[in-house]
Amino acid sequence: MTHQRVPEAQALLNTAFGAYLLATSVHAASKKAGRPLPWPSAFLVLPFVLPADTRRDLPTQSVHSMPAWLTEHPQHQAAFAERAAALTEYTRASLRTAARHRAIDVTPTGLRCPRPPRPAAAAGSEEVTDCARRAGLVGRWLAVMEPSLAFNLLGVRP
């Protein structure tokens, strides 16, 4: 028996798309903090952005902090560790794709984006645009938070 994913899942779990979302998040984080994003933080981006229910509940602007948002959405906090674990290999593959295509540079101090990613609006898909917008938000959240605190809040073990 062959397992086939629905087309939407295949598109969302494409490593090039994951690389794009990670680059978008790294770029937003670096812009906000003025320094590279610590590489462990990259493993928190896709579990926030890819699940439709979590993405739908994320704010459109970073007026809320991650801890405040998690307090208002305990169901996402409860599910996060399992989602992060399920997406670890996909995140690794997406990071490799991003590094191979020079969308993300791995530096001794963290991840940086050598050039701004193209705007998602050019892709023409509302879902792609929404994912990219939320990836930027998550990047800004992670820019101002120590990775250990973020992992702890989300119940994720590195």
C-alpha atoms as a PDB file:
ATOM      1  CA  MET A   1       0.000   0.000   0.000  1.00  0.00           C
ATOM      2  CA  THR A   2       1.436   3.347  -1.016  1.00  0.00           C
ATOM      3  CA  HIS A   3       0.896   6.387   1.111  1.00  0.00           C
ATOM      4  CA  GLN A   4       0.144   9.500  -0.898  1.00  0.00           C
ATOM      5  CA  ARG A   5      -0.253  12.974   0.522  1.00  0.00           C
ATOM      6  CA  VAL A   6      -2.942  15.322  -0.604  1.00  0.00           C
ATOM      7  CA  PRO A   7      -1.571  18.017  -2.952  1.00  0.00           C
ATOM      8  CA  GLU A   8      -1.803  20.739  -0.288  1.00  0.00           C
ATOM      9  CA  ALA A   9       0.280  18.695   2.152  1.00  0.00           C
ATOM     10  CA  GLN A  10       2.831  17.910  -0.547  1.00  0.00           C
ATOM     11  CA  ALA A  11       3.163  21.606  -1.348  1.00  0.00           C
ATOM     12  CA  LEU A  12       3.473  22.613   2.301  1.00  0.00           C
ATOM     13  CA  LEU A  13       6.046  19.896   3.003  1.00  0.00           C
ATOM     14  CA  ASN A  14       8.247  20.752   0.035  1.00  0.00           C
ATOM     15  CA  THR A  15      11.759  21.522   1.341  1.00  0.00           C
ATOM     16  CA  ALA A  16      12.086  24.513  -1.003  1.00  0.00           C
ATOM     17  CA  PHE A  17       8.952  26.000   0.573  1.00  0.00           C
ATOM     18  CA  GLY A  18      10.275  25.214   4.051  1.00  0.00           C
ATOM     19  CA  ALA A  19      13.559  26.890   3.117  1.00  0.00           C
ATOM     20  CA  TYR A  20      11.664  29.962   1.928  1.00  0.00           C
ATOM     21  CA  LEU A  21       9.684  30.170   5.182  1.00  0.00           C
ATOM     22  CA  LEU A  22      12.834  29.737   7.253  1.00  0.00           C
ATOM     23  CA  ALA A  23      14.647  32.431   5.253  1.00  0.00           C
ATOM     24  CA  THR A  24      11.661  34.745   5.723  1.00  0.00           C
ATOM     25  CA  SER A  25      11.717  34.116   9.461  1.00  0.00           C
ATOM     26  CA  VAL A  26      15.506  34.484   9.763  1.00  0.00           C
ATOM     27  CA  HIS A  27      15.398  37.717   7.766  1.00  0.00           C
ATOM     28  CA  ALA A  28      12.648  39.177   9.987  1.00  0.00           C
ATOM     29  CA  ALA A  29      14.475  38.098  13.158  1.00  0.00           C
ATOM     30  CA  SER A  30      17.796  39.548  12.038  1.00  0.00           C
ATOM     31  CA  LYS A  31      16.145  42.787  11.008  1.00  0.00           C
ATOM     32  CA  LYS A  32      14.401  43.075  14.395  1.00  0.00           C
ATOM     33  CA  ALA A  33      17.379  42.128  16.584  1.00  0.00           C
ATOM     34  CA  GLY A  34      20.253  43.325  14.430  1.00  0.00           C
ATOM     35  CA  ARG A  35      21.969  39.956  14.847  1.00  0.00           C
ATOM     36  CA  PRO A  36      21.655  36.410  13.482  1.00  0.00           C
ATOM     37  CA  LEU A  37      18.899  34.121  14.728  1.00  0.00           C
ATOM     38  CA  PRO A  38      20.262  31.383  17.009  1.00  0.00           C
ATOM     39  CA  TRP A  39      20.085  28.194  14.929  1.00  0.00           C
ATOM     40  CA  PRO A  40      18.013  26.161  17.463  1.00  0.00           C
ATOM     41  CA  SER A  41      15.218  28.731  17.081  1.00  0.00           C
ATOM     42  CA  ALA A  42      14.784  27.691  13.442  1.00  0.00           C
ATOM     43  CA  PHE A  43      13.216  24.431  14.654  1.00  0.00           C
ATOM     44  CA  LEU A  44      10.333  26.407  16.174  1.00  0.00           C
ATOM     45  CA  VAL A  45       9.308  28.283  13.019  1.00  0.00           C
ATOM     46  CA  LEU A  46       7.641  25.601  10.905  1.00  0.00           C
ATOM     47  CA  PRO A  47       5.554  24.067  13.736  1.00  0.00           C
ATOM     48  CA  PHE A  48       4.004  27.519  14.200  1.00  0.00           C
ATOM     49  CA  VAL A  49       3.495  28.271  10.516  1.00  0.00           C
ATOM     50  CA  LEU A  50       2.559  25.036   8.746  1.00  0.00           C
ATOM     51  CA  PRO A  51      -0.400  23.715  10.796  1.00  0.00           C
ATOM     52  CA  ALA A  52      -3.421  25.624   9.500  1.00  0.00           C
ATOM     53  CA  ASP A  53      -5.118  25.854  12.903  1.00  0.00           C
ATOM     54  CA  THR A  54      -2.073  27.396  14.590  1.00  0.00           C
ATOM     55  CA  ARG A  55      -1.316  29.700  11.651  1.00  0.00           C
ATOM     56  CA  ARG A  56      -4.916  30.906  11.585  1.00  0.00           C
ATOM     57  CA  ASP A  57      -4.733  31.889  15.274  1.00  0.00           C
ATOM     58  CA  LEU A  58      -1.392  33.697  15.052  1.00  0.00           C
ATOM     59  CA  PRO A  59      -1.699  37.475  15.165  1.00  0.00           C
ATOM     60  CA  THR A  60      -1.053  39.373  11.963  1.00  0.00           C
ATOM     61  CA  GLN A  61       1.223  41.852  13.736  1.00  0.00           C
ATOM     62  CA  SER A  62       3.694  41.336  16.544  1.00  0.00           C
ATOM     63  CA  VAL A  63       1.756  43.438  19.073  1.00  0.00           C
ATOM     64  CA  HIS A  64       1.471  40.325  21.281  1.00  0.00           C
ATOM     65  CA  SER A  65       4.532  38.609  22.650  1.00  0.00           C
ATOM     66  CA  MET A  66       4.868  34.858  22.239  1.00  0.00           C
ATOM     67  CA  PRO A  67       4.234  34.226  25.972  1.00  0.00           C
ATOM     68  CA  ALA A  68       1.082  36.374  25.887  1.00  0.00           C
ATOM     69  CA  TRP A  69      -0.183  34.603  22.760  1.00  0.00           C
ATOM     70  CA  LEU A  70       0.498  31.179  24.276  1.00  0.00           C
ATOM     71  CA  THR A  71      -1.471  32.158  27.385  1.00  0.00           C
ATOM     72  CA  GLU A  72      -4.440  33.034  25.160  1.00  0.00           C
ATOM     73  CA  HIS A  73      -4.076  29.847  23.068  1.00  0.00           C
ATOM     74  CA  PRO A  74      -3.232  26.966  25.426  1.00  0.00           C
ATOM     75  CA  GLN A  75      -4.407  24.379  22.889  1.00  0.00           C
ATOM     76  CA  HIS A  76      -1.542  25.328  20.573  1.00  0.00           C
ATOM     77  CA  GLN A  77       0.949  25.292  23.418  1.00  0.00           C
ATOM     78  CA  ALA A  78      -0.218  21.792  24.368  1.00  0.00           C
ATOM     79  CA  ALA A  79       0.160  20.468  20.810  1.00  0.00           C
ATOM     80  CA  PHE A  80       3.401  22.247  19.976  1.00  0.00           C
ATOM     81  CA  ALA A  81       5.987  19.737  21.253  1.00  0.00           C
ATOM     82  CA  GLU A  82       4.442  16.888  19.271  1.00  0.00           C
ATOM     83  CA  ARG A  83       4.261  19.020  16.116  1.00  0.00           C
ATOM     84  CA  ALA A  84       7.848  20.214  16.548  1.00  0.00           C
ATOM     85  CA  ALA A  85       9.056  16.623  16.913  1.00  0.00           C
ATOM     86  CA  ALA A  86       7.086  15.573  13.826  1.00  0.00           C
ATOM     87  CA  LEU A  87       8.599  18.414  11.781  1.00  0.00           C
ATOM     88  CA  THR A  88      12.230  18.074  12.953  1.00  0.00           C
ATOM     89  CA  GLU A  89      13.478  16.105   9.932  1.00  0.00           C
ATOM     90  CA  TYR A  90      11.558  18.360   7.543  1.00  0.00           C
ATOM     91  CA  THR A  91      13.095  21.422   9.222  1.00  0.00           C
ATOM     92  CA  ARG A  92      16.586  19.911   8.903  1.00  0.00           C
ATOM     93  CA  ALA A  93      16.015  19.169   5.222  1.00  0.00           C
ATOM     94  CA  SER A  94      14.642  22.683   4.677  1.00  0.00           C
ATOM     95  CA  LEU A  95      17.663  24.211   6.426  1.00  0.00           C
ATOM     96  CA  ARG A  96      19.990  22.178   4.190  1.00  0.00           C
ATOM     97  CA  THR A  97      18.066  23.345   1.124  1.00  0.00           C
ATOM     98  CA  ALA A  98      18.220  26.968   2.318  1.00  0.00           C
ATOM     99  CA  ALA A  99      21.967  26.744   2.957  1.00  0.00           C
ATOM    100  CA  ARG A 100      22.646  24.980  -0.352  1.00  0.00           C
ATOM    101  CA  HIS A 101      20.802  27.718  -2.259  1.00  0.00           C
ATOM    102  CA  ARG A 102      22.361  30.499  -0.161  1.00  0.00           C
ATOM    103  CA  ALA A 103      18.988  31.638   1.186  1.00  0.00           C
ATOM    104  CA  ILE A 104      20.399  31.239   4.715  1.00  0.00           C
ATOM    105  CA  ASP A 105      23.993  31.453   5.891  1.00  0.00           C
ATOM    106  CA  VAL A 106      25.102  29.474   8.919  1.00  0.00           C
ATOM    107  CA  THR A 107      27.521  31.627  10.926  1.00  0.00           C
ATOM    108  CA  PRO A 108      29.275  30.991  14.246  1.00  0.00           C
ATOM    109  CA  THR A 109      26.677  33.221  15.946  1.00  0.00           C
ATOM    110  CA  GLY A 110      23.575  31.861  14.227  1.00  0.00           C
ATOM    111  CA  LEU A 111      21.572  31.980  11.017  1.00  0.00           C
ATOM    112  CA  ARG A 112      21.425  35.001   8.794  1.00  0.00           C
ATOM    113  CA  CYS A 113      19.727  35.760   5.531  1.00  0.00           C
ATOM    114  CA  PRO A 114      22.230  37.136   2.966  1.00  0.00           C
ATOM    115  CA  ARG A 115      19.463  38.758   0.926  1.00  0.00           C
ATOM    116  CA  PRO A 116      15.810  39.508   1.618  1.00  0.00           C
ATOM    117  CA  PRO A 117      13.487  36.735   0.412  1.00  0.00           C
ATOM    118  CA  ARG A 118      11.172  37.621  -2.434  1.00  0.00           C
ATOM    119  CA  PRO A 119       7.754  38.838  -1.328  1.00  0.00           C
ATOM    120  CA  ALA A 120       5.270  35.992  -1.060  1.00  0.00           C
ATOM    121  CA  ALA A 121       2.621  38.003  -2.892  1.00  0.00           C
ATOM    122  CA  ALA A 122       4.526  37.229  -6.094  1.00  0.00           C
ATOM    123  CA  ALA A 123       3.613  33.538  -5.636  1.00  0.00           C
ATOM    124  CA  GLY A 124      -0.056  34.322  -6.168  1.00  0.00           C
ATOM    125  CA  SER A 125      -1.345  31.951  -3.486  1.00  0.00           C
ATOM    126  CA  GLU A 126      -3.099  33.279  -0.398  1.00  0.00           C
ATOM    127  CA  GLU A 127      -1.881  30.348   1.661  1.00  0.00           C
ATOM    128  CA  VAL A 128       1.770  30.917   0.658  1.00  0.00           C
ATOM    129  CA  THR A 129       1.419  34.623   1.429  1.00  0.00           C
ATOM    130  CA  ASP A 130      -0.165  33.853   4.794  1.00  0.00           C
ATOM    131  CA  CYS A 131       2.548  31.320   5.690  1.00  0.00           C
ATOM    132  CA  ALA A 132       5.287  33.816   4.809  1.00  0.00           C
ATOM    133  CA  ARG A 133       3.623  36.610   6.771  1.00  0.00           C
ATOM    134  CA  ARG A 134       3.325  34.387   9.837  1.00  0.00           C
ATOM    135  CA  ALA A 135       6.917  33.159   9.429  1.00  0.00           C
ATOM    136  CA  GLY A 136       8.035  36.779   9.635  1.00  0.00           C
ATOM    137  CA  LEU A 137       5.992  37.263  12.792  1.00  0.00           C
ATOM    138  CA  VAL A 138       7.467  34.152  14.414  1.00  0.00           C
ATOM    139  CA  GLY A 139      10.938  35.359  13.436  1.00  0.00           C
ATOM    140  CA  ARG A 140      10.326  38.675  15.187  1.00  0.00           C
ATOM    141  CA  TRP A 141       9.095  36.811  18.280  1.00  0.00           C
ATOM    142  CA  LEU A 142      12.175  34.598  18.317  1.00  0.00           C
ATOM    143  CA  ALA A 143      14.508  37.547  17.771  1.00  0.00           C
ATOM    144  CA  VAL A 144      13.756  38.932  21.215  1.00  0.00           C
ATOM    145  CA  MET A 145      13.686  35.649  23.138  1.00  0.00           C
ATOM    146  CA  GLU A 146      16.437  33.323  24.257  1.00  0.00           C
ATOM    147  CA  PRO A 147      16.014  29.955  22.538  1.00  0.00           C
ATOM    148  CA  SER A 148      16.015  28.128  25.888  1.00  0.00           C
ATOM    149  CA  LEU A 149      13.083  30.234  27.097  1.00  0.00           C
ATOM    150  CA  ALA A 150      11.142  29.683  23.857  1.00  0.00           C
ATOM    151  CA  PHE A 151      11.773  25.924  23.990  1.00  0.00           C
ATOM    152  CA  ASN A 152      10.714  25.847  27.640  1.00  0.00           C
ATOM    153  CA  LEU A 153       7.502  27.813  27.004  1.00  0.00           C
ATOM    154  CA  LEU A 154       6.596  25.501  24.152  1.00  0.00           C
ATOM    155  CA  GLY A 155       7.447  22.287  25.990  1.00  0.00           C
ATOM    156  CA  VAL A 156      10.081  21.327  23.436  1.00  0.00           C
ATOM    157  CA  ARG A 157      13.349  19.613  24.342  1.00  0.00           C
ATOM    158  CA  PRO A 158      16.276  20.461  22.062  1.00  0.00           C
END
